[in-house]
Amino acid sequence: MRVIFMGTPDFSVPCLEQLINSRHEVIAVVTQPDRPRNRGVVSACPVKVCAEKHGLKVLQYEKVSREGIDDIRALNPDVIVTAAFGQMLSRDFLAIAPHGVINVHASLLPKYRGSSPIQWAVINGEKETGVTIMQTAYKMDSGDIILQKSIPVGEDETAGELFEKLSALGAPALIEALDLIESGKATFTPQNEDEMTYFPMLKKEDGEIDFSMSATDIKHRIQGLTPWPSAYTTCGGKKMKIIKATVENMQGSPKQVLKADKDGLIIACGKDALNIQILQPENGRKMSAKDYLLGHRIAVGEEL
């Protein structure tokens, strides 16, 4: 089939790579405009870099409006594929290709609709997640399901680690779905709206740790916010990112320092306590809590 691929971040690249190496023909790639990235330097997104490496036609739109719809329709695609493209698509756009728009979504729909499904699955302590290949509908993430693939979520797995696994899982699942569509063997199963859950896009301020929560919930939150936007607290009036922590069966008033020595930095929570393993002080590098305590005095009994 003649395919137009639409995506932006690293998550989308394995899907594009596998599509290029499949029996289908990628006739163009649509992505977001170049933006300031590291140190404010304007640069291309990962999908554009991949597309140009393979000599593919690249179209970039701040928003896919009438001009973009006309450009894409003129290419005469059989199907359009989206994977973390980052824009809502109009009804006119969804009607361009005979086989519509097929989306790769990083959750087992109808659970975890929304823009940050990987992070929220980790934050909520899910034991299993996966990818859904679906027919895109106008309402966000509500389209019929073509197929799903699931994987377990490790107890200590971060969102970044799960991101890599789901990206790799989604690529072959996408090709399988496209092959089914082309052969006329694809089935389209409506989602059960009674089982639907939706979670919003994460913001930087969502990273602030609430020590009145249980240590287990905080640990999951730290993992779900790694690498972005990062979980943080304050220490000595300065922001401190918490990169890795474990749970200890110790009790105290939330935010109270229970231990601060060469063996660890342990903070009381609403239930149990958080043993901070790796942290990053404001304007500093990542380090172990032990190394941090060598240069910073934190007294037992004080509050972070």
C-alpha atoms as a PDB file:
ATOM      1  CA  MET A   1       0.000   0.000   0.000  1.00  0.00           C
ATOM      2  CA  ARG A   2       0.999   3.643  -0.512  1.00  0.00           C
ATOM      3  CA  VAL A   3       1.549   4.968   3.007  1.00  0.00           C
ATOM      4  CA  ILE A   4       2.014   8.437   4.439  1.00  0.00           C
ATOM      5  CA  PHE A   5       3.677   8.291   7.864  1.00  0.00           C
ATOM      6  CA  MET A   6       3.127  10.947  10.515  1.00  0.00           C
ATOM      7  CA  GLY A   7       5.198  11.104  13.697  1.00  0.00           C
ATOM      8  CA  THR A   8       7.593  13.271  15.676  1.00  0.00           C
ATOM      9  CA  PRO A   9       9.597  11.838  18.651  1.00  0.00           C
ATOM     10  CA  ASP A  10      11.958   8.899  19.151  1.00  0.00           C
ATOM     11  CA  PHE A  11       8.985   6.628  19.866  1.00  0.00           C
ATOM     12  CA  SER A  12       7.892   6.913  16.222  1.00  0.00           C
ATOM     13  CA  VAL A  13      11.233   6.061  14.609  1.00  0.00           C
ATOM     14  CA  PRO A  14      11.146   2.223  14.897  1.00  0.00           C
ATOM     15  CA  CYS A  15       7.675   2.267  13.293  1.00  0.00           C
ATOM     16  CA  LEU A  16       8.971   4.341  10.384  1.00  0.00           C
ATOM     17  CA  GLU A  17      12.107   2.210  10.006  1.00  0.00           C
ATOM     18  CA  GLN A  18      10.111  -1.018   9.923  1.00  0.00           C
ATOM     19  CA  LEU A  19       7.599   0.488   7.509  1.00  0.00           C
ATOM     20  CA  ILE A  20      10.425   1.489   5.156  1.00  0.00           C
ATOM     21  CA  ASN A  21      11.720  -2.094   5.235  1.00  0.00           C
ATOM     22  CA  SER A  22       8.277  -3.623   4.657  1.00  0.00           C
ATOM     23  CA  ARG A  23       6.446  -4.428   1.436  1.00  0.00           C
ATOM     24  CA  HIS A  24       4.538  -1.153   1.742  1.00  0.00           C
ATOM     25  CA  GLU A  25       5.676   2.085   0.080  1.00  0.00           C
ATOM     26  CA  VAL A  26       6.292   5.173   2.212  1.00  0.00           C
ATOM     27  CA  ILE A  27       5.445   8.033  -0.151  1.00  0.00           C
ATOM     28  CA  ALA A  28       5.935  10.873   2.350  1.00  0.00           C
ATOM     29  CA  VAL A  29       6.571  11.658   5.999  1.00  0.00           C
ATOM     30  CA  VAL A  30       4.680  14.402   7.847  1.00  0.00           C
ATOM     31  CA  THR A  31       6.130  15.817  11.047  1.00  0.00           C
ATOM     32  CA  GLN A  32       6.293  18.902  13.252  1.00  0.00           C
ATOM     33  CA  PRO A  33       8.415  21.936  12.293  1.00  0.00           C
ATOM     34  CA  ASP A  34      12.021  22.176  13.468  1.00  0.00           C
ATOM     35  CA  ARG A  35      12.163  23.605  16.993  1.00  0.00           C
ATOM     36  CA  PRO A  36      14.731  24.789  19.551  1.00  0.00           C
ATOM     37  CA  ARG A  37      16.022  21.734  21.389  1.00  0.00           C
ATOM     38  CA  ASN A  38      19.315  21.198  23.212  1.00  0.00           C
ATOM     39  CA  ARG A  39      20.673  24.549  24.415  1.00  0.00           C
ATOM     40  CA  GLY A  40      18.098  26.352  22.297  1.00  0.00           C
ATOM     41  CA  VAL A  41      19.535  25.239  18.955  1.00  0.00           C
ATOM     42  CA  VAL A  42      16.824  24.819  16.307  1.00  0.00           C
ATOM     43  CA  SER A  43      16.970  21.260  15.004  1.00  0.00           C
ATOM     44  CA  ALA A  44      14.893  18.554  13.340  1.00  0.00           C
ATOM     45  CA  CYS A  45      12.834  16.027  15.288  1.00  0.00           C
ATOM     46  CA  PRO A  46      13.928  12.348  15.268  1.00  0.00           C
ATOM     47  CA  VAL A  47      11.344  11.348  12.635  1.00  0.00           C
ATOM     48  CA  LYS A  48      12.544  14.007  10.185  1.00  0.00           C
ATOM     49  CA  VAL A  49      16.147  12.903  10.708  1.00  0.00           C
ATOM     50  CA  CYS A  50      15.166   9.295   9.961  1.00  0.00           C
ATOM     51  CA  ALA A  51      13.115  10.264   6.894  1.00  0.00           C
ATOM     52  CA  GLU A  52      15.893  12.361   5.392  1.00  0.00           C
ATOM     53  CA  LYS A  53      18.398   9.572   6.000  1.00  0.00           C
ATOM     54  CA  HIS A  54      16.264   7.372   3.765  1.00  0.00           C
ATOM     55  CA  GLY A  55      15.668  10.083   1.167  1.00  0.00           C
ATOM     56  CA  LEU A  56      11.940  10.385   1.840  1.00  0.00           C
ATOM     57  CA  LYS A  57       9.779  13.406   1.055  1.00  0.00           C
ATOM     58  CA  VAL A  58       9.169  15.389   4.263  1.00  0.00           C
ATOM     59  CA  LEU A  59       6.239  17.733   4.903  1.00  0.00           C
ATOM     60  CA  GLN A  60       6.172  19.897   8.048  1.00  0.00           C
ATOM     61  CA  TYR A  61       3.181  21.756   9.440  1.00  0.00           C
ATOM     62  CA  GLU A  62       2.648  23.731  12.626  1.00  0.00           C
ATOM     63  CA  LYS A  63      -0.938  22.576  12.229  1.00  0.00           C
ATOM     64  CA  VAL A  64      -2.352  20.368   9.481  1.00  0.00           C
ATOM     65  CA  SER A  65      -4.906  22.775   8.005  1.00  0.00           C
ATOM     66  CA  ARG A  66      -6.524  23.024   4.567  1.00  0.00           C
ATOM     67  CA  GLU A  67      -3.183  23.501   2.793  1.00  0.00           C
ATOM     68  CA  GLY A  68      -1.781  20.378   4.420  1.00  0.00           C
ATOM     69  CA  ILE A  69      -4.897  18.366   3.640  1.00  0.00           C
ATOM     70  CA  ASP A  70      -4.661  19.358  -0.025  1.00  0.00           C
ATOM     71  CA  ASP A  71      -0.928  18.517  -0.151  1.00  0.00           C
ATOM     72  CA  ILE A  72      -1.474  15.093   1.378  1.00  0.00           C
ATOM     73  CA  ARG A  73      -4.548  14.265  -0.686  1.00  0.00           C
ATOM     74  CA  ALA A  74      -2.568  15.061  -3.857  1.00  0.00           C
ATOM     75  CA  LEU A  75      -0.110  12.290  -2.967  1.00  0.00           C
ATOM     76  CA  ASN A  76      -2.944   9.749  -3.269  1.00  0.00           C
ATOM     77  CA  PRO A  77      -2.176   7.571  -0.217  1.00  0.00           C
ATOM     78  CA  ASP A  78      -3.962   4.275   0.398  1.00  0.00           C
ATOM     79  CA  VAL A  79      -3.588   4.732   4.148  1.00  0.00           C
ATOM     80  CA  ILE A  80      -2.112   7.235   6.601  1.00  0.00           C
ATOM     81  CA  VAL A  81      -0.223   6.047   9.696  1.00  0.00           C
ATOM     82  CA  THR A  82       0.282   8.136  12.837  1.00  0.00           C
ATOM     83  CA  ALA A  83       2.586   7.379  15.763  1.00  0.00           C
ATOM     84  CA  ALA A  84       2.951  10.108  18.407  1.00  0.00           C
ATOM     85  CA  PHE A  85       2.409  12.828  15.796  1.00  0.00           C
ATOM     86  CA  GLY A  86       1.291  15.360  18.384  1.00  0.00           C
ATOM     87  CA  GLN A  87      -1.661  17.038  16.665  1.00  0.00           C
ATOM     88  CA  MET A  88      -5.418  16.477  16.600  1.00  0.00           C
ATOM     89  CA  LEU A  89      -6.663  15.690  13.089  1.00  0.00           C
ATOM     90  CA  SER A  90      -9.834  17.045  11.492  1.00  0.00           C
ATOM     91  CA  ARG A  91     -12.677  14.987  10.075  1.00  0.00           C
ATOM     92  CA  ASP A  92     -11.660  16.126   6.576  1.00  0.00           C
ATOM     93  CA  PHE A  93      -8.167  14.805   7.172  1.00  0.00           C
ATOM     94  CA  LEU A  94      -9.412  11.448   8.449  1.00  0.00           C
ATOM     95  CA  ALA A  95     -11.320  11.001   5.176  1.00  0.00           C
ATOM     96  CA  ILE A  96      -8.347  11.526   2.816  1.00  0.00           C
ATOM     97  CA  ALA A  97      -7.210   7.915   2.337  1.00  0.00           C
ATOM     98  CA  PRO A  98      -9.405   4.929   1.348  1.00  0.00           C
ATOM     99  CA  HIS A  99      -8.252   3.008   4.446  1.00  0.00           C
ATOM    100  CA  GLY A 100      -8.355   6.070   6.690  1.00  0.00           C
ATOM    101  CA  VAL A 101      -5.821   6.816   9.417  1.00  0.00           C
ATOM    102  CA  ILE A 102      -4.207   4.037  11.472  1.00  0.00           C
ATOM    103  CA  ASN A 103      -2.670   5.004  14.814  1.00  0.00           C
ATOM    104  CA  VAL A 104      -0.088   3.366  17.075  1.00  0.00           C
ATOM    105  CA  HIS A 105      -1.077   4.081  20.698  1.00  0.00           C
ATOM    106  CA  ALA A 106       1.121   3.104  23.657  1.00  0.00           C
ATOM    107  CA  SER A 107      -1.498   1.517  25.910  1.00  0.00           C
ATOM    108  CA  LEU A 108      -4.064  -1.260  25.936  1.00  0.00           C
ATOM    109  CA  LEU A 109      -7.066   0.822  24.939  1.00  0.00           C
ATOM    110  CA  PRO A 110      -9.614   1.767  26.125  1.00  0.00           C
ATOM    111  CA  LYS A 111      -7.412   2.252  29.182  1.00  0.00           C
ATOM    112  CA  TYR A 112      -4.971   5.164  29.226  1.00  0.00           C
ATOM    113  CA  ARG A 113      -6.333   7.365  26.518  1.00  0.00           C
ATOM    114  CA  GLY A 114      -4.443  10.635  26.309  1.00  0.00           C
ATOM    115  CA  SER A 115      -0.999  12.007  25.548  1.00  0.00           C
ATOM    116  CA  SER A 116       1.131  10.400  28.285  1.00  0.00           C
ATOM    117  CA  PRO A 117      -0.025   6.766  28.543  1.00  0.00           C
ATOM    118  CA  ILE A 118       3.410   5.279  29.224  1.00  0.00           C
ATOM    119  CA  GLN A 119       4.207   7.576  32.142  1.00  0.00           C
ATOM    120  CA  TRP A 120       0.784   7.198  33.735  1.00  0.00           C
ATOM    121  CA  ALA A 121       0.867   3.404  33.502  1.00  0.00           C
ATOM    122  CA  VAL A 122       4.112   3.408  35.520  1.00  0.00           C
ATOM    123  CA  ILE A 123       2.874   6.071  37.954  1.00  0.00           C
ATOM    124  CA  ASN A 124      -0.224   3.986  38.651  1.00  0.00           C
ATOM    125  CA  GLY A 125       1.798   0.827  39.283  1.00  0.00           C
ATOM    126  CA  GLU A 126       0.354  -1.177  36.386  1.00  0.00           C
ATOM    127  CA  LYS A 127       1.706  -4.708  36.026  1.00  0.00           C
ATOM    128  CA  GLU A 128       0.916  -4.897  32.306  1.00  0.00           C
ATOM    129  CA  THR A 129       0.604  -2.505  29.402  1.00  0.00           C
ATOM    130  CA  GLY A 130       1.115  -2.647  25.651  1.00  0.00           C
ATOM    131  CA  VAL A 131       0.351  -1.091  22.292  1.00  0.00           C
ATOM    132  CA  THR A 132      -2.879  -0.759  20.346  1.00  0.00           C
ATOM    133  CA  ILE A 133      -3.113  -0.432  16.575  1.00  0.00           C
ATOM    134  CA  MET A 134      -6.381   1.335  15.910  1.00  0.00           C
ATOM    135  CA  GLN A 135      -8.459   3.118  13.301  1.00  0.00           C
ATOM    136  CA  THR A 136      -8.339   6.795  14.206  1.00  0.00           C
ATOM    137  CA  ALA A 137     -11.660   8.483  14.961  1.00  0.00           C
ATOM    138  CA  TYR A 138     -12.344  12.178  15.538  1.00  0.00           C
ATOM    139  CA  LYS A 139     -12.636  11.731  19.323  1.00  0.00           C
ATOM    140  CA  MET A 140      -9.203  11.219  20.867  1.00  0.00           C
ATOM    141  CA  ASP A 141      -8.078   7.570  21.069  1.00  0.00           C
ATOM    142  CA  SER A 142     -11.637   6.287  20.660  1.00  0.00           C
ATOM    143  CA  GLY A 143     -11.362   4.442  17.336  1.00  0.00           C
ATOM    144  CA  ASP A 144     -11.909   0.760  16.642  1.00  0.00           C
ATOM    145  CA  ILE A 145      -9.126  -1.631  17.651  1.00  0.00           C
ATOM    146  CA  ILE A 146      -7.376  -3.685  14.959  1.00  0.00           C
ATOM    147  CA  LEU A 147      -4.929  -5.503  17.224  1.00  0.00           C
ATOM    148  CA  GLN A 148      -3.100  -5.248  20.550  1.00  0.00           C
ATOM    149  CA  LYS A 149       0.192  -6.540  21.942  1.00  0.00           C
ATOM    150  CA  SER A 150       0.935  -6.630  25.679  1.00  0.00           C
ATOM    151  CA  ILE A 151       4.070  -6.789  27.834  1.00  0.00           C
ATOM    152  CA  PRO A 152       4.684  -6.866  31.611  1.00  0.00           C
ATOM    153  CA  VAL A 153       5.825  -3.745  33.457  1.00  0.00           C
ATOM    154  CA  GLY A 154       8.816  -4.394  35.716  1.00  0.00           C
ATOM    155  CA  GLU A 155       8.583  -3.415  39.382  1.00  0.00           C
ATOM    156  CA  ASP A 156      11.546  -1.029  39.038  1.00  0.00           C
ATOM    157  CA  GLU A 157      10.999  -0.037  35.408  1.00  0.00           C
ATOM    158  CA  THR A 158      11.059   3.643  34.492  1.00  0.00           C
ATOM    159  CA  ALA A 159       8.882   5.321  31.894  1.00  0.00           C
ATOM    160  CA  GLY A 160      11.989   5.801  29.770  1.00  0.00           C
ATOM    161  CA  GLU A 161      12.762   2.088  29.801  1.00  0.00           C
ATOM    162  CA  LEU A 162       9.153   1.175  29.056  1.00  0.00           C
ATOM    163  CA  PHE A 163       9.091   3.772  26.268  1.00  0.00           C
ATOM    164  CA  GLU A 164      11.886   1.873  24.475  1.00  0.00           C
ATOM    165  CA  LYS A 165      10.123  -1.479  24.853  1.00  0.00           C
ATOM    166  CA  LEU A 166       6.761  -0.227  23.626  1.00  0.00           C
ATOM    167  CA  SER A 167       8.353   1.575  20.704  1.00  0.00           C
ATOM    168  CA  ALA A 168       9.975  -1.692  19.624  1.00  0.00           C
ATOM    169  CA  LEU A 169       6.719  -3.593  20.221  1.00  0.00           C
ATOM    170  CA  GLY A 170       4.633  -1.172  18.182  1.00  0.00           C
ATOM    171  CA  ALA A 171       6.698  -1.367  14.999  1.00  0.00           C
ATOM    172  CA  PRO A 172       6.012  -5.012  14.014  1.00  0.00           C
ATOM    173  CA  ALA A 173       2.432  -4.702  15.288  1.00  0.00           C
ATOM    174  CA  LEU A 174       1.889  -1.831  12.857  1.00  0.00           C
ATOM    175  CA  ILE A 175       3.142  -3.868   9.891  1.00  0.00           C
ATOM    176  CA  GLU A 176       0.956  -6.804  10.938  1.00  0.00           C
ATOM    177  CA  ALA A 177      -2.088  -4.518  11.012  1.00  0.00           C
ATOM    178  CA  LEU A 178      -1.320  -2.970   7.616  1.00  0.00           C
ATOM    179  CA  ASP A 179      -0.893  -6.417   6.073  1.00  0.00           C
ATOM    180  CA  LEU A 180      -4.282  -7.440   7.476  1.00  0.00           C
ATOM    181  CA  ILE A 181      -5.897  -4.301   6.097  1.00  0.00           C
ATOM    182  CA  GLU A 182      -4.387  -4.824   2.648  1.00  0.00           C
ATOM    183  CA  SER A 183      -5.533  -8.462   2.542  1.00  0.00           C
ATOM    184  CA  GLY A 184      -9.040  -7.567   3.685  1.00  0.00           C
ATOM    185  CA  LYS A 185      -8.656  -9.727   6.801  1.00  0.00           C
ATOM    186  CA  ALA A 186      -8.499  -6.955   9.416  1.00  0.00           C
ATOM    187  CA  THR A 187     -11.190  -6.838  12.079  1.00  0.00           C
ATOM    188  CA  PHE A 188     -12.248  -3.567  13.706  1.00  0.00           C
ATOM    189  CA  THR A 189     -13.475  -3.972  17.292  1.00  0.00           C
ATOM    190  CA  PRO A 190     -15.253  -1.027  18.968  1.00  0.00           C
ATOM    191  CA  GLN A 191     -13.817   0.026  22.318  1.00  0.00           C
ATOM    192  CA  ASN A 192     -15.788  -0.604  25.499  1.00  0.00           C
ATOM    193  CA  GLU A 193     -16.508   2.918  26.733  1.00  0.00           C
ATOM    194  CA  ASP A 194     -17.387   1.585  30.198  1.00  0.00           C
ATOM    195  CA  GLU A 195     -13.728   0.547  30.637  1.00  0.00           C
ATOM    196  CA  MET A 196     -12.276   3.791  29.321  1.00  0.00           C
ATOM    197  CA  THR A 197      -9.750   5.750  31.379  1.00  0.00           C
ATOM    198  CA  TYR A 198      -8.169   9.049  30.371  1.00  0.00           C
ATOM    199  CA  PHE A 199      -5.071  10.750  31.779  1.00  0.00           C
ATOM    200  CA  PRO A 200      -3.819  14.244  30.867  1.00  0.00           C
ATOM    201  CA  MET A 201      -0.505  15.321  29.447  1.00  0.00           C
ATOM    202  CA  LEU A 202       2.113  15.672  32.170  1.00  0.00           C
ATOM    203  CA  LYS A 203       3.557  19.061  33.097  1.00  0.00           C
ATOM    204  CA  LYS A 204       6.773  19.988  34.914  1.00  0.00           C
ATOM    205  CA  GLU A 205       4.873  20.871  38.083  1.00  0.00           C
ATOM    206  CA  ASP A 206       3.475  17.326  38.218  1.00  0.00           C
ATOM    207  CA  GLY A 207       6.931  16.257  39.332  1.00  0.00           C
ATOM    208  CA  GLU A 208       6.675  17.733  42.850  1.00  0.00           C
ATOM    209  CA  ILE A 209       6.650  14.911  45.403  1.00  0.00           C
ATOM    210  CA  ASP A 210       3.837  14.791  47.952  1.00  0.00           C
ATOM    211  CA  PHE A 211       5.259  12.939  50.941  1.00  0.00           C
ATOM    212  CA  SER A 212       1.798  12.396  52.411  1.00  0.00           C
ATOM    213  CA  MET A 213       1.403   9.667  49.784  1.00  0.00           C
ATOM    214  CA  SER A 214       2.632   6.145  50.494  1.00  0.00           C
ATOM    215  CA  ALA A 215       6.285   5.406  49.765  1.00  0.00           C
ATOM    216  CA  THR A 216       5.223   2.811  47.187  1.00  0.00           C
ATOM    217  CA  ASP A 217       3.100   5.348  45.313  1.00  0.00           C
ATOM    218  CA  ILE A 218       5.931   7.883  45.415  1.00  0.00           C
ATOM    219  CA  LYS A 219       8.396   5.286  44.122  1.00  0.00           C
ATOM    220  CA  HIS A 220       6.095   4.542  41.184  1.00  0.00           C
ATOM    221  CA  ARG A 221       5.724   8.264  40.557  1.00  0.00           C
ATOM    222  CA  ILE A 222       9.492   8.734  40.481  1.00  0.00           C
ATOM    223  CA  GLN A 223       9.808   5.916  37.956  1.00  0.00           C
ATOM    224  CA  GLY A 224       6.935   7.237  35.855  1.00  0.00           C
ATOM    225  CA  LEU A 225       8.441  10.726  35.722  1.00  0.00           C
ATOM    226  CA  THR A 226      11.896   9.486  34.683  1.00  0.00           C
ATOM    227  CA  PRO A 227      13.412  10.831  32.483  1.00  0.00           C
ATOM    228  CA  TRP A 228      10.860  13.667  32.110  1.00  0.00           C
ATOM    229  CA  PRO A 229       9.630  15.786  33.789  1.00  0.00           C
ATOM    230  CA  SER A 230      11.469  14.229  36.786  1.00  0.00           C
ATOM    231  CA  ALA A 231      10.224  13.911  40.350  1.00  0.00           C
ATOM    232  CA  TYR A 232      11.575  16.521  42.739  1.00  0.00           C
ATOM    233  CA  THR A 233      11.471  17.934  46.237  1.00  0.00           C
ATOM    234  CA  THR A 234      13.283  20.806  47.933  1.00  0.00           C
ATOM    235  CA  CYS A 235      16.267  20.606  50.239  1.00  0.00           C
ATOM    236  CA  GLY A 236      17.722  23.695  51.866  1.00  0.00           C
ATOM    237  CA  GLY A 237      15.429  25.825  49.730  1.00  0.00           C
ATOM    238  CA  LYS A 238      16.769  24.376  46.495  1.00  0.00           C
ATOM    239  CA  LYS A 239      15.172  21.972  44.061  1.00  0.00           C
ATOM    240  CA  MET A 240      16.393  18.375  44.201  1.00  0.00           C
ATOM    241  CA  LYS A 241      15.434  15.768  41.613  1.00  0.00           C
ATOM    242  CA  ILE A 242      14.915  12.220  42.879  1.00  0.00           C
ATOM    243  CA  ILE A 243      16.052   9.753  40.228  1.00  0.00           C
ATOM    244  CA  LYS A 244      15.826   6.412  42.020  1.00  0.00           C
ATOM    245  CA  ALA A 245      14.454   5.246  45.373  1.00  0.00           C
ATOM    246  CA  THR A 246      13.330   2.158  47.251  1.00  0.00           C
ATOM    247  CA  VAL A 247      10.691   1.570  49.924  1.00  0.00           C
ATOM    248  CA  GLU A 248      11.590   0.968  53.577  1.00  0.00           C
ATOM    249  CA  ASN A 249       9.303  -0.324  56.324  1.00  0.00           C
ATOM    250  CA  MET A 250       9.893   2.667  58.601  1.00  0.00           C
ATOM    251  CA  GLN A 251       7.426   5.213  59.986  1.00  0.00           C
ATOM    252  CA  GLY A 252       7.477   8.908  60.829  1.00  0.00           C
ATOM    253  CA  SER A 253       5.842  12.236  60.014  1.00  0.00           C
ATOM    254  CA  PRO A 254       5.694  12.828  56.248  1.00  0.00           C
ATOM    255  CA  LYS A 255       8.836  14.660  54.958  1.00  0.00           C
ATOM    256  CA  GLN A 256      10.732  13.871  58.180  1.00  0.00           C
ATOM    257  CA  VAL A 257      14.316  12.693  57.719  1.00  0.00           C
ATOM    258  CA  LEU A 258      14.617   9.296  59.426  1.00  0.00           C
ATOM    259  CA  LYS A 259      18.173   8.543  58.382  1.00  0.00           C
ATOM    260  CA  ALA A 260      20.977  10.521  56.752  1.00  0.00           C
ATOM    261  CA  ASP A 261      24.362   8.848  56.863  1.00  0.00           C
ATOM    262  CA  LYS A 262      26.756   6.764  54.794  1.00  0.00           C
ATOM    263  CA  ASP A 263      24.111   4.043  54.525  1.00  0.00           C
ATOM    264  CA  GLY A 264      21.334   6.173  53.027  1.00  0.00           C
ATOM    265  CA  LEU A 265      18.904   9.087  53.035  1.00  0.00           C
ATOM    266  CA  ILE A 266      15.488   7.914  54.231  1.00  0.00           C
ATOM    267  CA  ILE A 267      12.425  10.165  54.290  1.00  0.00           C
ATOM    268  CA  ALA A 268       9.122   9.331  56.019  1.00  0.00           C
ATOM    269  CA  CYS A 269       5.992   9.193  53.875  1.00  0.00           C
ATOM    270  CA  GLY A 270       2.273   8.811  54.526  1.00  0.00           C
ATOM    271  CA  LYS A 271       2.951   5.087  54.755  1.00  0.00           C
ATOM    272  CA  ASP A 272       6.434   3.573  55.073  1.00  0.00           C
ATOM    273  CA  ALA A 273       9.494   5.564  54.009  1.00  0.00           C
ATOM    274  CA  LEU A 274      11.458   6.419  50.886  1.00  0.00           C
ATOM    275  CA  ASN A 275      15.122   5.444  50.689  1.00  0.00           C
ATOM    276  CA  ILE A 276      16.631   7.838  48.159  1.00  0.00           C
ATOM    277  CA  GLN A 277      19.307   6.097  46.111  1.00  0.00           C
ATOM    278  CA  ILE A 278      20.153   8.556  43.324  1.00  0.00           C
ATOM    279  CA  LEU A 279      19.443  12.287  43.260  1.00  0.00           C
ATOM    280  CA  GLN A 280      20.379  15.412  41.342  1.00  0.00           C
ATOM    281  CA  PRO A 281      20.755  18.708  43.194  1.00  0.00           C
ATOM    282  CA  GLU A 282      19.765  21.961  41.494  1.00  0.00           C
ATOM    283  CA  ASN A 283      22.377  22.882  38.850  1.00  0.00           C
ATOM    284  CA  GLY A 284      24.325  19.752  39.753  1.00  0.00           C
ATOM    285  CA  ARG A 285      25.020  16.292  38.405  1.00  0.00           C
ATOM    286  CA  LYS A 286      23.349  13.016  39.249  1.00  0.00           C
ATOM    287  CA  MET A 287      24.911  11.315  42.259  1.00  0.00           C
ATOM    288  CA  SER A 288      24.245   8.763  44.944  1.00  0.00           C
ATOM    289  CA  ALA A 289      22.609   9.964  48.146  1.00  0.00           C
ATOM    290  CA  LYS A 290      25.743   8.803  49.958  1.00  0.00           C
ATOM    291  CA  ASP A 291      27.949  11.096  47.857  1.00  0.00           C
ATOM    292  CA  TYR A 292      25.549  13.990  48.334  1.00  0.00           C
ATOM    293  CA  LEU A 293      25.642  13.601  52.104  1.00  0.00           C
ATOM    294  CA  LEU A 294      29.431  13.794  52.089  1.00  0.00           C
ATOM    295  CA  GLY A 295      29.134  17.468  51.158  1.00  0.00           C
ATOM    296  CA  HIS A 296      25.767  18.421  52.631  1.00  0.00           C
ATOM    297  CA  ARG A 297      24.562  18.114  56.207  1.00  0.00           C
ATOM    298  CA  ILE A 298      20.996  16.858  56.657  1.00  0.00           C
ATOM    299  CA  ALA A 299      19.959  16.215  60.248  1.00  0.00           C
ATOM    300  CA  VAL A 300      17.749  13.352  61.360  1.00  0.00           C
ATOM    301  CA  GLY A 301      14.382  14.737  62.452  1.00  0.00           C
ATOM    302  CA  GLU A 302      14.341  17.767  60.156  1.00  0.00           C
ATOM    303  CA  GLU A 303      11.928  18.042  57.238  1.00  0.00           C
ATOM    304  CA  LEU A 304      12.852  18.304  53.581  1.00  0.00           C
END
